[in-house]
């Protein structure tokens, strides 16, 4: 939700008992400030404790309004398999939403939010296999390699959900 601070904020637009956090505050033309708030989106992230790119991805998600809980399972590959993520779709970390959807690898926050807002029928989640250069957490001096975000389906199939052709497409 977006509220213009110059106007009265109608708190009845929020569901009773829902948790909210400030997601963004940005200046607008004419000196007004817009405050965006929304539900707390907590994600469980399963990763190796020594993975630096995972830390970069976590920072990206935090900056875009998500809350994360990090877990370090003894057998990360077994965790991925138990969640239905095939080896061909795997990356360095696995994320699970409160609703049980999976986000494998360096999926940009923009697409996680889009997915959670408009959940495709029969979906297991999204994946960015491998570790594409320039994806969130894999930044390297402005270098970028285009990549696809795959829609993983509960029946084991997958298809392209989005193609990230340019660095700016991630935001």
N, C-alpha and C. Protein backbone atom coordinates (compact mmCIF):
# COMPACT_ATOMS: atom_id res chain seq x y z
N UNK A 1 0.84 -1.18 0.00
CA UNK A 1 0.00 0.00 0.00
C UNK A 1 0.88 1.24 0.00
N UNK A 2 0.42 2.27 -0.63
CA UNK A 2 1.14 3.53 -0.63
C UNK A 2 0.23 4.60 -0.05
N UNK A 3 0.74 5.36 0.90
CA UNK A 3 0.00 6.46 1.49
C UNK A 3 0.78 7.73 1.30
N UNK A 4 0.10 8.80 0.95
CA UNK A 4 0.73 10.10 0.85
C UNK A 4 0.64 10.72 2.24
N UNK A 5 1.80 11.02 2.85
CA UNK A 5 1.84 11.52 4.21
C UNK A 5 1.09 12.85 4.35
N UNK A 6 0.99 13.59 3.26
CA UNK A 6 0.29 14.88 3.30
C UNK A 6 -1.21 14.69 3.53
N UNK A 7 -1.72 13.49 3.26
CA UNK A 7 -3.13 13.20 3.46
C UNK A 7 -3.30 12.37 4.73
N UNK A 8 -4.53 12.28 5.21
CA UNK A 8 -4.79 11.41 6.35
C UNK A 8 -4.62 9.96 5.91
N UNK A 9 -4.00 9.17 6.75
CA UNK A 9 -3.82 7.75 6.46
C UNK A 9 -5.00 7.00 7.06
N UNK A 10 -5.73 6.28 6.23
CA UNK A 10 -6.87 5.49 6.69
C UNK A 10 -6.38 4.11 7.09
N UNK A 11 -6.16 3.92 8.38
CA UNK A 11 -5.62 2.66 8.89
C UNK A 11 -6.60 1.50 8.73
N UNK A 12 -7.86 1.79 8.39
CA UNK A 12 -8.83 0.72 8.19
C UNK A 12 -8.51 -0.08 6.93
N UNK A 13 -7.61 0.45 6.08
CA UNK A 13 -7.21 -0.29 4.88
C UNK A 13 -6.34 -1.48 5.24
N UNK A 14 -5.82 -1.53 6.44
CA UNK A 14 -5.01 -2.65 6.89
C UNK A 14 -5.92 -3.67 7.57
N UNK A 15 -5.64 -4.94 7.42
CA UNK A 15 -6.43 -5.97 8.07
C UNK A 15 -6.14 -5.96 9.56
N UNK A 16 -7.19 -6.12 10.35
CA UNK A 16 -7.03 -6.14 11.80
C UNK A 16 -6.08 -7.25 12.21
N UNK A 17 -5.11 -6.92 13.07
CA UNK A 17 -4.17 -7.89 13.58
C UNK A 17 -2.99 -8.16 12.67
N UNK A 18 -2.95 -7.51 11.49
CA UNK A 18 -1.83 -7.77 10.59
C UNK A 18 -0.60 -6.99 11.03
N UNK A 19 0.56 -7.61 10.81
CA UNK A 19 1.81 -6.94 11.11
C UNK A 19 2.19 -6.08 9.91
N UNK A 20 2.73 -4.92 10.17
CA UNK A 20 3.22 -4.08 9.08
C UNK A 20 4.60 -3.56 9.43
N UNK A 21 5.34 -3.22 8.41
CA UNK A 21 6.63 -2.58 8.61
C UNK A 21 6.78 -1.54 7.53
N UNK A 22 7.60 -0.54 7.76
CA UNK A 22 7.87 0.44 6.73
C UNK A 22 8.74 -0.21 5.68
N UNK A 23 8.32 -0.12 4.44
CA UNK A 23 9.07 -0.75 3.37
C UNK A 23 9.88 0.27 2.58
N UNK A 24 9.35 1.47 2.43
CA UNK A 24 10.07 2.48 1.65
C UNK A 24 9.54 3.86 2.00
N UNK A 25 10.42 4.81 2.01
CA UNK A 25 10.06 6.21 2.17
C UNK A 25 10.78 6.94 1.03
N UNK A 26 10.00 7.65 0.21
CA UNK A 26 10.63 8.33 -0.92
C UNK A 26 10.04 9.71 -1.12
N UNK A 27 10.89 10.67 -1.51
CA UNK A 27 10.39 12.02 -1.78
C UNK A 27 9.66 12.05 -3.12
N UNK A 28 8.66 12.89 -3.23
CA UNK A 28 7.90 13.08 -4.46
C UNK A 28 8.00 14.55 -4.85
N UNK A 29 7.53 14.86 -6.03
CA UNK A 29 7.52 16.24 -6.50
C UNK A 29 6.70 17.11 -5.54
N UNK A 30 7.07 18.36 -5.39
CA UNK A 30 6.34 19.27 -4.52
C UNK A 30 6.68 19.12 -3.06
N UNK A 31 7.74 18.39 -2.74
CA UNK A 31 8.17 18.26 -1.36
C UNK A 31 7.40 17.25 -0.54
N UNK A 32 6.49 16.51 -1.16
CA UNK A 32 5.74 15.50 -0.42
C UNK A 32 6.60 14.26 -0.25
N UNK A 33 6.26 13.47 0.77
CA UNK A 33 6.96 12.22 1.04
C UNK A 33 5.93 11.10 1.00
N UNK A 34 6.25 10.02 0.30
CA UNK A 34 5.38 8.86 0.22
C UNK A 34 5.99 7.76 1.08
N UNK A 35 5.17 7.18 1.94
CA UNK A 35 5.58 6.07 2.79
C UNK A 35 4.84 4.84 2.33
N UNK A 36 5.58 3.79 1.95
CA UNK A 36 4.96 2.54 1.55
C UNK A 36 5.07 1.57 2.72
N UNK A 37 3.93 0.96 3.08
CA UNK A 37 3.95 -0.05 4.13
C UNK A 37 3.23 -1.28 3.62
N UNK A 38 3.49 -2.39 4.24
CA UNK A 38 2.84 -3.62 3.82
C UNK A 38 3.06 -4.70 4.85
N UNK A 39 2.52 -5.88 4.58
CA UNK A 39 2.69 -6.98 5.53
C UNK A 39 4.15 -7.40 5.61
N UNK A 40 4.53 -7.91 6.75
CA UNK A 40 5.87 -8.43 6.93
C UNK A 40 5.97 -9.74 6.14
N UNK A 41 6.90 -9.79 5.21
CA UNK A 41 7.12 -10.99 4.40
C UNK A 41 8.36 -11.70 4.93
N UNK A 42 8.17 -12.68 5.79
CA UNK A 42 9.30 -13.40 6.36
C UNK A 42 9.60 -14.62 5.51
N UNK A 43 10.87 -14.74 5.15
CA UNK A 43 11.34 -15.85 4.33
C UNK A 43 12.36 -16.66 5.11
N UNK A 44 12.25 -17.98 5.06
CA UNK A 44 13.26 -18.86 5.64
C UNK A 44 14.32 -19.14 4.59
N UNK A 45 15.58 -18.86 4.91
CA UNK A 45 16.66 -19.02 3.94
C UNK A 45 17.61 -20.12 4.43
N UNK A 46 17.83 -21.11 3.59
CA UNK A 46 18.70 -22.25 3.90
C UNK A 46 19.97 -22.08 3.07
N UNK A 47 21.12 -22.01 3.77
CA UNK A 47 22.38 -21.74 3.08
C UNK A 47 23.56 -22.28 3.85
N UNK A 48 24.70 -22.29 3.20
CA UNK A 48 25.96 -22.64 3.82
C UNK A 48 26.43 -21.42 4.63
N UNK A 49 26.90 -21.60 5.85
CA UNK A 49 27.28 -20.43 6.67
C UNK A 49 28.43 -19.60 6.08
N UNK A 50 29.23 -20.16 5.21
CA UNK A 50 30.37 -19.41 4.68
C UNK A 50 30.11 -18.76 3.33
N UNK A 51 28.90 -18.81 2.81
CA UNK A 51 28.61 -18.29 1.48
C UNK A 51 28.44 -16.77 1.51
N UNK A 52 29.35 -16.06 0.87
CA UNK A 52 29.30 -14.59 0.83
C UNK A 52 28.24 -14.04 -0.10
N UNK A 53 28.01 -14.72 -1.24
CA UNK A 53 27.00 -14.20 -2.17
C UNK A 53 25.61 -14.31 -1.57
N UNK A 54 25.40 -15.32 -0.74
CA UNK A 54 24.10 -15.45 -0.06
C UNK A 54 23.87 -14.25 0.86
N UNK A 55 24.92 -13.80 1.53
CA UNK A 55 24.81 -12.63 2.40
C UNK A 55 24.41 -11.41 1.58
N UNK A 56 24.97 -11.27 0.38
CA UNK A 56 24.61 -10.16 -0.51
C UNK A 56 23.16 -10.24 -0.94
N UNK A 57 22.67 -11.45 -1.23
CA UNK A 57 21.28 -11.62 -1.61
C UNK A 57 20.35 -11.30 -0.44
N UNK A 58 20.73 -11.73 0.77
CA UNK A 58 19.93 -11.42 1.97
C UNK A 58 19.82 -9.91 2.16
N UNK A 59 20.90 -9.21 1.96
CA UNK A 59 20.90 -7.74 2.08
C UNK A 59 19.95 -7.14 1.04
N UNK A 60 19.99 -7.64 -0.18
CA UNK A 60 19.09 -7.19 -1.25
C UNK A 60 17.63 -7.38 -0.83
N UNK A 61 17.30 -8.54 -0.29
CA UNK A 61 15.93 -8.82 0.12
C UNK A 61 15.50 -7.90 1.27
N UNK A 62 16.39 -7.70 2.24
CA UNK A 62 16.09 -6.81 3.37
C UNK A 62 15.81 -5.39 2.88
N UNK A 63 16.59 -4.92 1.91
CA UNK A 63 16.41 -3.57 1.37
C UNK A 63 15.08 -3.42 0.63
N UNK A 64 14.52 -4.54 0.20
CA UNK A 64 13.27 -4.50 -0.56
C UNK A 64 12.07 -4.99 0.24
N UNK A 65 12.15 -4.87 1.57
CA UNK A 65 10.99 -5.08 2.42
C UNK A 65 10.74 -6.48 2.92
N UNK A 66 11.67 -7.39 2.70
CA UNK A 66 11.49 -8.75 3.21
C UNK A 66 12.27 -8.93 4.50
N UNK A 67 11.75 -9.78 5.36
CA UNK A 67 12.44 -10.17 6.58
C UNK A 67 12.92 -11.60 6.35
N UNK A 68 14.13 -11.91 6.80
CA UNK A 68 14.67 -13.25 6.56
C UNK A 68 15.11 -13.92 7.86
N UNK A 69 14.91 -15.22 7.90
CA UNK A 69 15.40 -16.07 8.98
C UNK A 69 16.37 -17.05 8.34
N UNK A 70 17.62 -17.03 8.74
CA UNK A 70 18.64 -17.86 8.12
C UNK A 70 18.81 -19.18 8.89
N UNK A 71 18.90 -20.27 8.12
CA UNK A 71 19.11 -21.60 8.67
C UNK A 71 20.32 -22.22 7.98
N UNK A 72 21.10 -22.97 8.72
CA UNK A 72 22.28 -23.65 8.18
C UNK A 72 22.12 -25.16 8.37
N UNK A 73 21.39 -25.83 7.48
CA UNK A 73 21.19 -27.27 7.64
C UNK A 73 22.49 -28.04 7.42
N UNK A 74 22.61 -29.16 8.09
CA UNK A 74 23.81 -29.99 7.92
C UNK A 74 23.92 -30.52 6.50
N UNK A 75 22.78 -30.82 5.88
CA UNK A 75 22.78 -31.33 4.51
C UNK A 75 21.87 -30.45 3.66
N UNK A 76 22.45 -29.41 3.07
CA UNK A 76 21.68 -28.45 2.28
C UNK A 76 21.06 -29.11 1.05
N UNK A 77 21.78 -30.01 0.40
CA UNK A 77 21.22 -30.68 -0.78
C UNK A 77 20.02 -31.54 -0.43
N UNK A 78 20.04 -32.19 0.71
CA UNK A 78 18.89 -32.98 1.15
C UNK A 78 17.69 -32.07 1.40
N UNK A 79 17.93 -30.89 1.95
CA UNK A 79 16.85 -29.92 2.19
C UNK A 79 16.22 -29.51 0.86
N UNK A 80 17.07 -29.21 -0.13
CA UNK A 80 16.58 -28.82 -1.45
C UNK A 80 15.73 -29.95 -2.05
N UNK A 81 16.22 -31.16 -1.98
CA UNK A 81 15.50 -32.32 -2.52
C UNK A 81 14.16 -32.49 -1.81
N UNK A 82 14.15 -32.33 -0.49
CA UNK A 82 12.90 -32.49 0.27
C UNK A 82 11.86 -31.44 -0.11
N UNK A 83 12.33 -30.31 -0.63
CA UNK A 83 11.42 -29.23 -1.04
C UNK A 83 11.00 -29.36 -2.51
N UNK A 84 11.53 -30.38 -3.20
CA UNK A 84 11.14 -30.62 -4.59
C UNK A 84 11.99 -29.91 -5.62
N UNK A 85 13.17 -29.40 -5.22
CA UNK A 85 14.03 -28.68 -6.15
C UNK A 85 15.00 -29.68 -6.80
N UNK A 86 14.87 -29.84 -8.11
CA UNK A 86 15.72 -30.77 -8.85
C UNK A 86 17.15 -30.23 -8.92
N UNK A 87 18.14 -31.11 -8.99
CA UNK A 87 19.54 -30.67 -9.09
C UNK A 87 19.80 -29.67 -10.22
N UNK A 88 19.12 -29.83 -11.35
CA UNK A 88 19.33 -28.94 -12.49
C UNK A 88 18.87 -27.50 -12.19
N UNK A 89 18.02 -27.32 -11.21
CA UNK A 89 17.50 -26.00 -10.85
C UNK A 89 18.19 -25.39 -9.63
N UNK A 90 19.12 -26.10 -9.03
CA UNK A 90 19.71 -25.66 -7.76
C UNK A 90 20.74 -24.55 -7.92
N UNK A 91 20.90 -23.81 -6.84
CA UNK A 91 21.89 -22.75 -6.72
C UNK A 91 22.47 -22.85 -5.31
N UNK A 92 23.02 -21.76 -4.80
CA UNK A 92 23.71 -21.83 -3.52
C UNK A 92 22.80 -21.74 -2.30
N UNK A 93 21.63 -21.10 -2.42
CA UNK A 93 20.74 -21.01 -1.26
C UNK A 93 19.30 -21.26 -1.69
N UNK A 94 18.50 -21.67 -0.73
CA UNK A 94 17.10 -21.98 -0.96
C UNK A 94 16.26 -21.19 0.04
N UNK A 95 15.21 -20.58 -0.47
CA UNK A 95 14.34 -19.76 0.37
C UNK A 95 12.93 -20.32 0.34
N UNK A 96 12.26 -20.28 1.48
CA UNK A 96 10.90 -20.78 1.59
C UNK A 96 10.03 -19.69 2.22
N UNK A 97 8.91 -19.38 1.54
CA UNK A 97 7.97 -18.38 2.08
C UNK A 97 7.13 -19.01 3.18
N UNK A 98 6.43 -18.17 3.93
CA UNK A 98 5.54 -18.66 4.99
C UNK A 98 4.47 -19.59 4.44
N UNK A 99 4.13 -19.42 3.16
CA UNK A 99 3.11 -20.26 2.52
C UNK A 99 3.69 -21.54 1.92
N UNK A 100 5.02 -21.70 2.00
CA UNK A 100 5.65 -22.91 1.50
C UNK A 100 6.17 -22.84 0.08
N UNK A 101 6.13 -21.68 -0.55
CA UNK A 101 6.70 -21.54 -1.89
C UNK A 101 8.22 -21.44 -1.79
N UNK A 102 8.92 -21.98 -2.79
CA UNK A 102 10.38 -21.96 -2.77
C UNK A 102 10.92 -20.95 -3.78
N UNK A 103 12.06 -20.36 -3.42
CA UNK A 103 12.77 -19.43 -4.29
C UNK A 103 14.23 -19.86 -4.24
N UNK A 104 14.67 -20.48 -5.32
CA UNK A 104 16.00 -21.08 -5.37
C UNK A 104 16.98 -20.12 -6.01
N UNK A 105 18.04 -19.80 -5.28
CA UNK A 105 19.11 -18.98 -5.84
C UNK A 105 18.82 -17.49 -5.79
N UNK A 106 19.44 -16.79 -6.72
CA UNK A 106 19.49 -15.33 -6.71
C UNK A 106 18.29 -14.68 -7.40
N UNK A 107 17.09 -15.05 -6.99
CA UNK A 107 15.87 -14.48 -7.54
C UNK A 107 15.73 -13.05 -7.00
N UNK A 108 15.63 -12.05 -7.87
CA UNK A 108 15.47 -10.67 -7.39
C UNK A 108 14.17 -10.49 -6.59
N UNK A 109 14.22 -9.62 -5.60
CA UNK A 109 13.06 -9.33 -4.74
C UNK A 109 11.84 -8.93 -5.57
N UNK A 110 12.06 -8.19 -6.63
CA UNK A 110 10.96 -7.75 -7.50
C UNK A 110 10.12 -8.94 -7.96
N UNK A 111 10.79 -10.03 -8.34
CA UNK A 111 10.07 -11.19 -8.85
C UNK A 111 9.50 -12.06 -7.73
N UNK A 112 10.14 -12.09 -6.59
CA UNK A 112 9.58 -12.80 -5.44
C UNK A 112 8.27 -12.13 -5.04
N UNK A 113 8.29 -10.81 -4.95
CA UNK A 113 7.07 -10.07 -4.59
C UNK A 113 5.98 -10.26 -5.63
N UNK A 114 6.34 -10.18 -6.90
CA UNK A 114 5.38 -10.38 -7.99
C UNK A 114 4.75 -11.76 -7.89
N UNK A 115 5.56 -12.78 -7.67
CA UNK A 115 5.08 -14.16 -7.54
C UNK A 115 4.13 -14.28 -6.36
N UNK A 116 4.52 -13.76 -5.21
CA UNK A 116 3.69 -13.89 -4.00
C UNK A 116 2.38 -13.11 -4.11
N UNK A 117 2.37 -12.08 -4.93
CA UNK A 117 1.16 -11.30 -5.14
C UNK A 117 0.22 -12.00 -6.12
N UNK A 118 0.78 -12.64 -7.14
CA UNK A 118 -0.01 -13.30 -8.18
C UNK A 118 0.53 -14.72 -8.36
N UNK A 119 0.14 -15.61 -7.47
CA UNK A 119 0.67 -16.98 -7.46
C UNK A 119 0.12 -17.79 -8.64
N UNK A 120 1.00 -18.27 -9.52
CA UNK A 120 0.53 -19.10 -10.63
C UNK A 120 -0.02 -20.43 -10.13
N UNK A 121 -1.05 -20.91 -10.77
CA UNK A 121 -1.65 -22.20 -10.40
C UNK A 121 -0.63 -23.32 -10.55
N UNK A 122 -0.59 -24.21 -9.58
CA UNK A 122 0.29 -25.37 -9.65
C UNK A 122 1.76 -25.07 -9.43
N UNK A 123 2.06 -23.88 -8.93
CA UNK A 123 3.46 -23.46 -8.77
C UNK A 123 4.09 -23.98 -7.49
N UNK A 124 5.35 -24.38 -7.60
CA UNK A 124 6.19 -24.71 -6.46
C UNK A 124 6.98 -23.48 -6.03
N UNK A 125 7.40 -22.69 -7.01
CA UNK A 125 8.16 -21.47 -6.73
C UNK A 125 8.95 -21.02 -7.94
N UNK A 126 10.02 -20.26 -7.69
CA UNK A 126 10.88 -19.72 -8.74
C UNK A 126 12.31 -20.16 -8.50
N UNK A 127 13.09 -20.20 -9.59
CA UNK A 127 14.50 -20.56 -9.47
C UNK A 127 15.35 -19.78 -10.46
N UNK A 128 16.54 -19.41 -10.00
CA UNK A 128 17.60 -18.91 -10.86
C UNK A 128 18.75 -19.91 -10.68
N UNK A 129 18.80 -20.92 -11.56
CA UNK A 129 19.86 -21.93 -11.43
C UNK A 129 21.25 -21.31 -11.58
N UNK A 130 22.21 -21.91 -10.91
CA UNK A 130 23.58 -21.39 -10.98
C UNK A 130 23.71 -20.09 -10.22
N UNK A 131 24.66 -19.29 -10.63
CA UNK A 131 24.94 -18.04 -9.93
C UNK A 131 25.30 -16.97 -10.98
N UNK A 132 24.27 -16.42 -11.68
CA UNK A 132 24.54 -15.48 -12.77
C UNK A 132 25.25 -14.20 -12.30
N UNK A 133 26.27 -13.82 -13.01
CA UNK A 133 27.04 -12.62 -12.71
C UNK A 133 26.13 -11.39 -12.81
N UNK A 134 26.11 -10.57 -11.76
CA UNK A 134 25.32 -9.36 -11.74
C UNK A 134 23.95 -9.51 -11.12
N UNK A 135 23.54 -10.76 -10.83
CA UNK A 135 22.26 -10.96 -10.14
C UNK A 135 22.43 -10.51 -8.69
N UNK A 136 21.33 -10.25 -7.95
CA UNK A 136 21.46 -9.80 -6.57
C UNK A 136 22.33 -10.74 -5.74
N UNK A 137 23.37 -10.17 -5.14
CA UNK A 137 24.33 -10.95 -4.37
C UNK A 137 25.55 -11.37 -5.18
N UNK A 138 25.45 -11.27 -6.49
CA UNK A 138 26.54 -11.67 -7.39
C UNK A 138 27.11 -10.46 -8.15
N UNK A 139 26.97 -9.29 -7.56
CA UNK A 139 27.46 -8.07 -8.20
C UNK A 139 28.98 -8.12 -8.33
N UNK A 140 29.47 -7.65 -9.46
CA UNK A 140 30.92 -7.67 -9.72
C UNK A 140 31.29 -6.47 -10.60
N UNK A 141 31.40 -5.31 -9.97
CA UNK A 141 31.86 -4.12 -10.69
C UNK A 141 31.01 -3.73 -11.88
N UNK A 142 29.72 -3.88 -11.80
CA UNK A 142 28.84 -3.48 -12.89
C UNK A 142 28.73 -4.49 -14.02
N UNK A 143 29.41 -5.62 -13.91
CA UNK A 143 29.30 -6.66 -14.94
C UNK A 143 27.96 -7.38 -14.78
N UNK A 144 27.42 -7.83 -15.92
CA UNK A 144 26.10 -8.46 -15.89
C UNK A 144 25.99 -9.50 -16.99
N UNK A 145 25.42 -10.65 -16.65
CA UNK A 145 25.11 -11.71 -17.60
C UNK A 145 23.60 -11.93 -17.59
N UNK A 146 22.92 -11.80 -18.72
CA UNK A 146 21.47 -12.05 -18.75
C UNK A 146 21.15 -13.47 -18.26
N UNK A 147 19.97 -13.62 -17.66
CA UNK A 147 19.57 -14.93 -17.14
C UNK A 147 18.05 -15.05 -17.13
N UNK A 148 17.59 -16.27 -17.01
CA UNK A 148 16.15 -16.55 -16.92
C UNK A 148 15.79 -16.91 -15.49
N UNK A 149 14.59 -16.53 -15.09
CA UNK A 149 14.00 -16.96 -13.83
C UNK A 149 12.97 -18.01 -14.22
N UNK A 150 13.11 -19.19 -13.64
CA UNK A 150 12.23 -20.30 -13.99
C UNK A 150 11.08 -20.44 -13.00
N UNK A 151 9.92 -20.75 -13.54
CA UNK A 151 8.77 -21.11 -12.72
C UNK A 151 8.83 -22.62 -12.51
N UNK A 152 8.99 -23.03 -11.26
CA UNK A 152 9.00 -24.45 -10.91
C UNK A 152 7.57 -24.85 -10.58
N UNK A 153 7.15 -25.97 -11.15
CA UNK A 153 5.78 -26.44 -10.93
C UNK A 153 5.78 -27.69 -10.05
N UNK A 154 4.68 -27.87 -9.34
CA UNK A 154 4.55 -29.00 -8.43
C UNK A 154 4.62 -30.35 -9.15
N UNK A 155 4.31 -30.37 -10.44
CA UNK A 155 4.37 -31.63 -11.20
C UNK A 155 5.79 -31.95 -11.66
N UNK A 156 6.76 -31.12 -11.28
CA UNK A 156 8.16 -31.35 -11.63
C UNK A 156 8.62 -30.65 -12.89
N UNK A 157 7.70 -30.05 -13.63
CA UNK A 157 8.08 -29.33 -14.84
C UNK A 157 8.51 -27.90 -14.49
N UNK A 158 9.05 -27.21 -15.48
CA UNK A 158 9.43 -25.81 -15.30
C UNK A 158 9.27 -25.09 -16.62
N UNK A 159 9.19 -23.77 -16.52
CA UNK A 159 9.11 -22.91 -17.71
C UNK A 159 9.69 -21.55 -17.36
N UNK A 160 9.98 -20.77 -18.36
CA UNK A 160 10.53 -19.43 -18.09
C UNK A 160 9.43 -18.54 -17.53
N UNK A 161 9.69 -17.98 -16.37
CA UNK A 161 8.79 -17.04 -15.70
C UNK A 161 9.10 -15.62 -16.15
N UNK A 162 10.39 -15.30 -16.23
CA UNK A 162 10.84 -13.97 -16.66
C UNK A 162 12.26 -14.09 -17.19
N UNK A 163 12.59 -13.23 -18.15
CA UNK A 163 13.95 -13.14 -18.66
C UNK A 163 14.54 -11.81 -18.22
N UNK A 164 15.65 -11.88 -17.54
CA UNK A 164 16.33 -10.67 -17.06
C UNK A 164 17.46 -10.40 -18.06
N UNK A 165 17.21 -9.46 -18.97
CA UNK A 165 18.15 -9.19 -20.05
C UNK A 165 19.14 -8.07 -19.70
N UNK A 166 18.72 -7.19 -18.80
CA UNK A 166 19.54 -6.05 -18.42
C UNK A 166 19.58 -5.92 -16.90
N UNK A 167 20.64 -5.35 -16.38
CA UNK A 167 20.80 -5.14 -14.95
C UNK A 167 19.58 -4.46 -14.35
N UNK A 168 19.06 -3.43 -15.02
CA UNK A 168 17.93 -2.66 -14.52
C UNK A 168 16.64 -3.48 -14.43
N UNK A 169 16.55 -4.58 -15.18
CA UNK A 169 15.33 -5.42 -15.12
C UNK A 169 15.12 -6.04 -13.75
N UNK A 170 16.15 -6.06 -12.93
CA UNK A 170 16.07 -6.71 -11.62
C UNK A 170 15.39 -5.85 -10.57
N UNK A 171 15.21 -4.57 -10.85
CA UNK A 171 14.71 -3.64 -9.83
C UNK A 171 13.41 -2.99 -10.23
